[in-house]
C-alpha cells in the first residue's frame, strides 16, 4: 500500500472511530442520595458496559442532604432522576411536571424503628411519644400513616411529637426520640452496629401498615417526553439499567464492590454495602422496570386518603406516569 492509500485508510478509520464515539447519546442521572448500594443497578450498568452497549454515555450524579432531585431536573441539570413517588407527586402538584417512566423498586423499605424499653409494642403506644421523621419530601408516607391512625403530629395531647430527623440515627441512640425513621437496608443496620441488639428493637414496616408507597422510581420531564427521540433514549437507558439490577441480584458481593469503587468520599464500608445490597435486592426482585398500575393506584390512594394537617396531594394526579418509555424498551 502506498503512502497516499495508507493515509486515506488511517483517515477513514479515524472518521469511523469518531462517528462511533459521537453516536453515544448522553444521559445524566441524578440520584436521590449518596453513592451506596441503593443505586447499585446504575453503577453496575455503567461499570459492566451495559449503557455503552446501548449506545449511551451515562453520567451518574450522587445526591446528598442539600440536593433535591426534582429541582435538579427542573433546572436542566439531569435528564432523569431517582425519586420517591410521594415526593414526585407532591412536586408535580406544585408545578414541577415530573413523570414516572420506570419503577425498578417493587417494594418499600421504609420502617419506623423503636426502642422496646420505651414501652412501644404496637402503634397504639405511639401517643405521647417523640418520633424522628425525615422531611424534605420523605415525611409524606409517615404523615399518611398518622392520619390513618387518627394521631395528630403537632405535639398536642393525645398526639405525637415529631422531630425533624437528620440523616443519621442519633435520636434513638441518645434517647431524644423513642422511634426513628429507618430503611430496611441502611439506618436500621446503623442502629444495630451502634450496639443496640435487634431483640431490643420493635420495627413497623410501612408495607405492613397499609401505607407503603413506591420508592426509587425513575422520573423525567413531561416536556422532554414529548420528543420521540428522548423517549427512545430513555427506553435504552431503562433497559440497560434493569440489566444492571439483574446483574446485582445475581452477583451481590461484586455489585457492592462496584458501588465502593464509585464512592469518592470513602465513607462507605464493604461490610455495610454488601449487607445493603442483600436488602436492596429484596426490594427490586420481581420488577421488570415497568410500573404496575395497581402499585401506582395504591400510592395515590394512600396519599389522597391521608388528609391530615398537611395533605401530600389534594387531587387525583393526571399524566403522572407513562408506559411509553418501557414500551419503547420492549419491557413487559
Protein backbone atom coordinates (compact mmCIF):
# COMPACT_ATOMS: atom_id res chain seq x y z
CA UNK A 1 0.00 0.00 0.00
CA UNK A 2 1.44 3.42 -0.92
CA UNK A 3 1.57 6.34 1.47
CA UNK A 4 -1.47 8.05 -0.05
CA UNK A 5 -3.66 4.97 0.32
CA UNK A 6 -2.31 4.40 3.82
CA UNK A 7 -3.13 7.98 4.78
CA UNK A 8 -6.64 7.63 3.35
CA UNK A 9 -7.10 4.37 5.24
CA UNK A 10 -5.98 5.90 8.54
CA UNK A 11 -8.21 8.93 7.97
CA UNK A 12 -11.18 6.70 7.22
CA UNK A 13 -10.53 4.66 10.36
CA UNK A 14 -10.31 7.82 12.42
CA UNK A 15 -13.56 9.11 10.96
CA UNK A 16 -15.30 5.82 11.73
CA UNK A 17 -14.00 5.84 15.31
CA UNK A 18 -15.07 9.44 15.77
CA UNK A 19 -18.50 8.66 14.36
CA UNK A 20 -18.88 5.70 16.72
CA UNK A 21 -17.83 7.83 19.68
CA UNK A 22 -20.19 10.58 18.58
CA UNK A 23 -23.05 8.09 18.35
CA UNK A 24 -23.00 7.66 22.13
CA UNK A 25 -26.06 9.55 23.36
CA UNK A 26 -25.50 11.41 26.61
CA UNK A 27 -27.74 10.79 29.63
CA UNK A 28 -27.36 12.40 33.05
CA UNK A 29 -28.90 10.59 36.01
CA UNK A 30 -29.39 12.39 39.34
CA UNK A 31 -29.57 10.03 42.33
CA UNK A 32 -31.73 10.66 45.37
CA UNK A 33 -28.92 10.12 47.86
CA UNK A 34 -25.20 9.48 48.18
CA UNK A 35 -23.36 6.67 46.39
CA UNK A 36 -24.44 3.40 48.01
CA UNK A 37 -25.92 0.01 47.09
CA UNK A 38 -29.37 1.60 46.92
CA UNK A 39 -28.30 2.67 43.41
CA UNK A 40 -26.16 -0.34 42.51
CA UNK A 41 -28.04 -1.15 39.30
CA UNK A 42 -26.95 2.11 37.69
CA UNK A 43 -23.32 1.82 38.75
CA UNK A 44 -23.22 -1.81 37.59
CA UNK A 45 -24.76 -0.90 34.21
CA UNK A 46 -22.06 1.72 33.72
CA UNK A 47 -19.19 -0.43 35.02
CA UNK A 48 -20.16 -3.54 33.02
CA UNK A 49 -20.65 -1.57 29.80
CA UNK A 50 -24.41 -2.14 29.56
CA UNK A 51 -25.01 1.55 28.87
CA UNK A 52 -22.21 1.67 26.32
CA UNK A 53 -23.64 -1.40 24.54
CA UNK A 54 -26.94 0.50 24.32
CA UNK A 55 -25.16 3.46 22.70
CA UNK A 56 -25.32 5.61 25.81
CA UNK A 57 -22.78 7.75 27.64
CA UNK A 58 -24.26 7.95 31.14
CA UNK A 59 -23.18 10.31 33.90
CA UNK A 60 -24.34 9.29 37.39
CA UNK A 61 -24.56 12.22 39.81
CA UNK A 62 -24.69 11.34 43.53
CA UNK A 63 -27.24 13.10 45.71
CA UNK A 64 -26.99 14.34 49.27
CA UNK A 65 -28.81 16.26 52.02
CA UNK A 66 -28.64 19.53 50.09
CA UNK A 67 -29.73 18.12 46.72
CA UNK A 68 -33.40 17.92 45.69
CA UNK A 69 -33.64 15.79 42.52
CA UNK A 70 -36.89 17.43 41.26
CA UNK A 71 -35.20 20.83 41.39
CA UNK A 72 -32.15 19.47 39.57
CA UNK A 73 -34.41 18.10 36.83
CA UNK A 74 -36.43 21.33 36.61
CA UNK A 75 -33.20 23.30 36.31
CA UNK A 76 -31.93 21.15 33.44
CA UNK A 77 -29.17 19.53 35.50
CA UNK A 78 -30.32 15.99 34.70
CA UNK A 79 -32.32 14.06 32.11
CA UNK A 80 -33.70 11.58 34.62
CA UNK A 81 -33.82 11.36 38.41
CA UNK A 82 -34.37 8.78 41.13
CA UNK A 83 -37.20 9.89 43.44
CA UNK A 84 -39.87 8.51 45.76
CA UNK A 85 -43.38 8.69 44.31
CA UNK A 86 -44.97 10.75 47.14
CA UNK A 87 -42.34 13.46 46.72
CA UNK A 88 -42.68 13.30 42.93
CA UNK A 89 -46.47 13.63 43.04
CA UNK A 90 -46.26 16.47 45.54
CA UNK A 91 -43.75 18.27 43.31
CA UNK A 92 -46.00 17.71 40.30
CA UNK A 93 -48.99 19.25 42.06
CA UNK A 94 -46.82 22.25 42.93
CA UNK A 95 -45.89 22.79 39.29
CA UNK A 96 -42.82 20.63 38.61
CA UNK A 97 -44.07 18.30 35.82
CA UNK A 98 -42.37 15.04 36.86
CA UNK A 99 -43.45 11.84 35.12
CA UNK A 100 -42.64 8.32 36.29
CA UNK A 101 -41.07 6.48 33.35
CA UNK A 102 -39.99 3.29 35.15
CA UNK A 103 -40.12 1.61 38.55
CA UNK A 104 -37.08 -0.56 39.38
CA UNK A 105 -38.15 -0.87 43.05
CA UNK A 106 -41.15 -3.13 43.57
CA UNK A 107 -41.42 -2.82 47.36
CA UNK A 108 -40.95 -0.20 50.06
CA UNK A 109 -38.05 -0.46 52.51
CA UNK A 110 -39.26 2.22 54.91
CA UNK A 111 -39.74 1.46 58.60
CA UNK A 112 -40.21 3.14 61.96
CA UNK A 113 -37.73 1.62 64.42
CA UNK A 114 -38.41 1.94 68.15
CA UNK A 115 -36.72 1.04 71.42
CA UNK A 116 -38.54 -1.72 73.30
CA UNK A 117 -37.69 -0.05 76.61
CA UNK A 118 -39.91 2.87 75.54
CA UNK A 119 -42.93 0.66 76.12
CA UNK A 120 -43.96 0.68 72.47
CA UNK A 121 -45.35 -2.66 71.36
CA UNK A 122 -47.87 -1.54 68.74
CA UNK A 123 -48.99 1.65 67.01
CA UNK A 124 -51.47 2.13 69.88
CA UNK A 125 -48.49 3.06 72.04
CA UNK A 126 -47.28 5.97 69.88
CA UNK A 127 -49.38 8.62 71.60
CA UNK A 128 -47.33 10.90 73.80
CA UNK A 129 -44.07 9.68 72.29
CA UNK A 130 -41.40 11.52 70.30
CA UNK A 131 -40.82 10.20 66.80
CA UNK A 132 -37.97 11.07 64.46
CA UNK A 133 -39.11 11.74 60.89
CA UNK A 134 -37.20 12.59 57.74
CA UNK A 135 -38.52 15.65 55.91
CA UNK A 136 -37.66 17.20 52.51
CA UNK A 137 -40.34 15.05 50.85
CA UNK A 138 -39.68 11.87 52.83
CA UNK A 139 -42.25 12.68 55.52
CA UNK A 140 -45.29 12.06 53.33
CA UNK A 141 -45.76 8.31 53.98
CA UNK A 142 -45.38 8.93 57.73
CA UNK A 143 -47.98 11.70 57.70
CA UNK A 144 -50.35 9.46 55.75
CA UNK A 145 -49.90 6.72 58.36
CA UNK A 146 -50.51 9.03 61.33
CA UNK A 147 -53.58 10.46 59.62
CA UNK A 148 -54.93 6.95 59.09
CA UNK A 149 -54.35 6.20 62.78
CA UNK A 150 -56.04 9.46 63.77
CA UNK A 151 -52.91 10.65 65.59
CA UNK A 152 -52.04 14.35 65.50
CA UNK A 153 -48.44 15.23 64.78
CA UNK A 154 -48.37 18.72 66.29
CA UNK A 155 -47.33 17.60 69.76
CA UNK A 156 -50.78 18.23 71.24
CA UNK A 157 -52.33 15.98 73.89
CA UNK A 158 -53.10 12.53 72.55
CA UNK A 159 -50.78 13.02 69.63
CA UNK A 160 -47.08 12.57 68.96
CA UNK A 161 -44.19 14.97 68.98
CA UNK A 162 -42.34 14.90 65.69
CA UNK A 163 -38.71 15.92 65.44
CA UNK A 164 -37.04 16.57 62.13
CA UNK A 165 -34.56 13.74 61.97
CA UNK A 166 -31.24 14.29 60.30
CA UNK A 167 -29.90 11.57 58.03
CA UNK A 168 -28.45 9.67 60.97
CA UNK A 169 -29.69 7.53 63.87
CA UNK A 170 -28.52 9.77 66.74
CA UNK A 171 -32.01 10.49 68.18
CA UNK A 172 -32.63 6.86 69.13
CA UNK A 173 -29.08 6.29 70.36
CA UNK A 174 -29.18 9.40 72.55
CA UNK A 175 -32.79 8.72 73.61
CA UNK A 176 -34.00 12.00 72.14
CA UNK A 177 -36.79 10.01 70.46
CA UNK A 178 -38.45 6.69 71.16
CA UNK A 179 -38.63 5.89 67.45
CA UNK A 180 -36.83 6.99 64.30
CA UNK A 181 -37.22 6.63 60.56
CA UNK A 182 -35.08 3.86 59.06
CA UNK A 183 -34.75 1.93 55.83
CA UNK A 184 -34.50 -1.86 55.92
CA UNK A 185 -31.23 -1.60 54.03
CA UNK A 186 -29.48 1.27 55.79
CA UNK A 187 -30.31 3.09 59.04
CA UNK A 188 -31.74 0.01 60.78
CA UNK A 189 -28.31 -1.62 60.49
CA UNK A 190 -26.62 1.55 61.68
CA UNK A 191 -28.62 1.21 64.90
CA UNK A 192 -27.54 -2.41 65.21
CA UNK A 193 -23.91 -1.53 64.51
CA UNK A 194 -24.09 1.17 67.20
CA UNK A 195 -24.67 -1.54 69.79
CA UNK A 196 -28.44 -1.89 70.19
CA UNK A 197 -29.48 -5.52 69.74
CA UNK A 198 -32.27 -6.48 67.35
CA UNK A 199 -34.17 -8.04 70.28
CA UNK A 200 -34.25 -4.63 71.94
CA UNK A 201 -35.99 -3.03 68.97
CA UNK A 202 -39.52 -3.01 67.57
CA UNK A 203 -39.96 -2.26 63.88
CA UNK A 204 -43.02 -1.16 61.93
CA UNK A 205 -42.69 -1.65 58.18
CA UNK A 206 -44.82 0.80 56.25
CA UNK A 207 -45.79 -2.02 53.91
CA UNK A 208 -47.37 -3.88 56.84
CA UNK A 209 -49.29 -0.76 57.91
CA UNK A 210 -51.06 -0.38 54.57
CA UNK A 211 -49.35 2.92 53.78
CA UNK A 212 -46.42 1.75 51.68
CA UNK A 213 -45.72 3.95 48.70
CA UNK A 214 -43.48 3.48 45.69
CA UNK A 215 -39.83 4.36 46.25
CA UNK A 216 -36.85 4.91 43.95
CA UNK A 217 -38.68 5.30 40.67
CA UNK A 218 -37.19 6.95 37.59
CA UNK A 219 -38.68 10.32 36.62
CA UNK A 220 -38.26 12.60 33.62
CA UNK A 221 -39.68 15.92 32.48
CA UNK A 222 -43.12 15.90 30.86
CA UNK A 223 -41.89 18.42 28.29
CA UNK A 224 -38.92 16.27 27.22
CA UNK A 225 -41.14 13.20 26.93
CA UNK A 226 -42.97 14.91 24.06
CA UNK A 227 -39.87 14.21 21.95
CA UNK A 228 -39.96 10.66 20.49
CA UNK A 229 -36.15 10.59 20.31
CA UNK A 230 -35.91 11.34 24.02
CA UNK A 231 -38.42 8.58 24.77
CA UNK A 232 -36.34 6.17 22.71
CA UNK A 233 -33.16 7.23 24.53
CA UNK A 234 -34.84 6.76 27.92
CA UNK A 235 -36.03 3.35 26.77
CA UNK A 236 -32.44 2.32 26.11
CA UNK A 237 -31.43 3.75 29.48
CA UNK A 238 -34.12 1.89 31.43
CA UNK A 239 -33.45 -1.41 29.66
CA UNK A 240 -29.70 -1.20 30.35
CA UNK A 241 -30.37 -0.12 33.95
CA UNK A 242 -32.60 -3.13 34.57
CA UNK A 243 -29.85 -5.33 33.17
CA UNK A 244 -27.65 -3.76 35.83
CA UNK A 245 -30.18 -4.54 38.55
CA UNK A 246 -30.49 -8.15 37.35
CA UNK A 247 -26.70 -8.49 37.49
CA UNK A 248 -26.63 -7.01 41.00
CA UNK A 249 -29.14 -9.60 42.24
CA UNK A 250 -27.09 -12.42 40.74
CA UNK A 251 -23.76 -11.02 41.99
CA UNK A 252 -24.46 -9.06 45.21
CA UNK A 253 -20.93 -9.01 46.62
CA UNK A 254 -19.37 -7.96 43.32
CA UNK A 255 -22.08 -5.32 42.84
CA UNK A 256 -21.34 -3.88 46.28
CA UNK A 257 -17.66 -3.64 45.37
CA UNK A 258 -18.56 -1.74 42.17
CA UNK A 259 -20.50 0.72 44.33
CA UNK A 260 -17.48 1.13 46.62
CA UNK A 261 -15.28 1.79 43.59
CA UNK A 262 -17.58 4.71 42.74
CA UNK A 263 -17.68 6.16 46.26
CA UNK A 264 -15.30 9.09 46.01
CA UNK A 265 -15.93 10.09 49.64
CA UNK A 266 -14.50 6.88 51.10
CA UNK A 267 -17.33 6.96 53.65
CA UNK A 268 -18.80 3.55 52.80
CA UNK A 269 -17.53 0.20 54.08
CA UNK A 270 -17.59 -3.14 52.32
CA UNK A 271 -19.46 -4.82 55.20
CA UNK A 272 -22.26 -2.26 55.14
CA UNK A 273 -22.56 -2.16 51.35
CA UNK A 274 -22.65 -5.95 50.96
CA UNK A 275 -25.37 -6.14 53.61
CA UNK A 276 -27.25 -3.25 52.00
CA UNK A 277 -27.04 -4.93 48.60
CA UNK A 278 -28.72 -8.03 50.01
CA UNK A 279 -31.61 -5.95 51.40
CA UNK A 280 -31.95 -3.81 48.26
CA UNK A 281 -32.20 -6.94 46.11
CA UNK A 282 -35.31 -7.94 48.08
CA UNK A 283 -36.94 -4.65 47.06
CA UNK A 284 -36.11 -4.86 43.34
CA UNK A 285 -36.80 -8.58 42.98
CA UNK A 286 -39.69 -9.23 40.60
CA UNK A 287 -39.55 -5.83 38.92
CA UNK A 288 -39.08 -5.64 35.16
CA UNK A 289 -38.83 -1.87 35.41
CA UNK A 290 -42.41 -1.32 34.27
CA UNK A 291 -44.61 0.47 36.81
CA UNK A 292 -47.59 -1.66 37.78
CA UNK A 293 -50.74 0.44 37.58
CA UNK A 294 -52.02 -1.18 40.80
CA UNK A 295 -48.90 -0.04 42.68
CA UNK A 296 -49.33 3.49 41.35
CA UNK A 297 -53.03 3.47 42.31
CA UNK A 298 -52.20 2.24 45.84
CA UNK A 299 -49.71 5.05 46.35
CA UNK A 300 -52.18 7.67 45.12
CA UNK A 301 -54.96 6.23 47.30
CA UNK A 302 -52.72 6.30 50.37
CA UNK A 303 -51.80 9.93 49.77
CA UNK A 304 -55.32 11.10 48.90
CA UNK A 305 -56.93 9.43 51.89
CA UNK A 306 -54.28 10.70 54.28
CA UNK A 307 -55.87 14.09 54.76
CA UNK A 308 -54.37 15.45 57.95
CA UNK A 309 -52.92 18.86 58.64
CA UNK A 310 -50.75 18.96 55.51
CA UNK A 311 -52.07 16.70 52.75
CA UNK A 312 -49.46 15.44 50.31
CA UNK A 313 -51.71 15.84 47.28
CA UNK A 314 -55.21 17.27 47.13
CA UNK A 315 -56.44 15.81 43.86
CA UNK A 316 -56.01 12.81 41.58
CA UNK A 317 -52.83 13.35 39.53
CA UNK A 318 -53.12 13.44 35.75
CA UNK A 319 -50.30 12.34 33.47
CA UNK A 320 -48.01 11.48 36.40
CA UNK A 321 -46.74 8.25 34.83
CA UNK A 322 -46.26 6.80 31.38
CA UNK A 323 -45.61 3.39 29.89
CA UNK A 324 -44.19 4.96 26.72
CA UNK A 325 -40.56 4.51 27.79
CA UNK A 326 -40.83 0.91 28.95
CA UNK A 327 -42.88 0.14 25.84
CA UNK A 328 -40.12 1.65 23.70
CA UNK A 329 -37.66 -0.64 25.51
CA UNK A 330 -39.84 -3.68 24.89
CA UNK A 331 -40.30 -4.20 28.63
CA UNK A 332 -43.46 -6.02 29.70
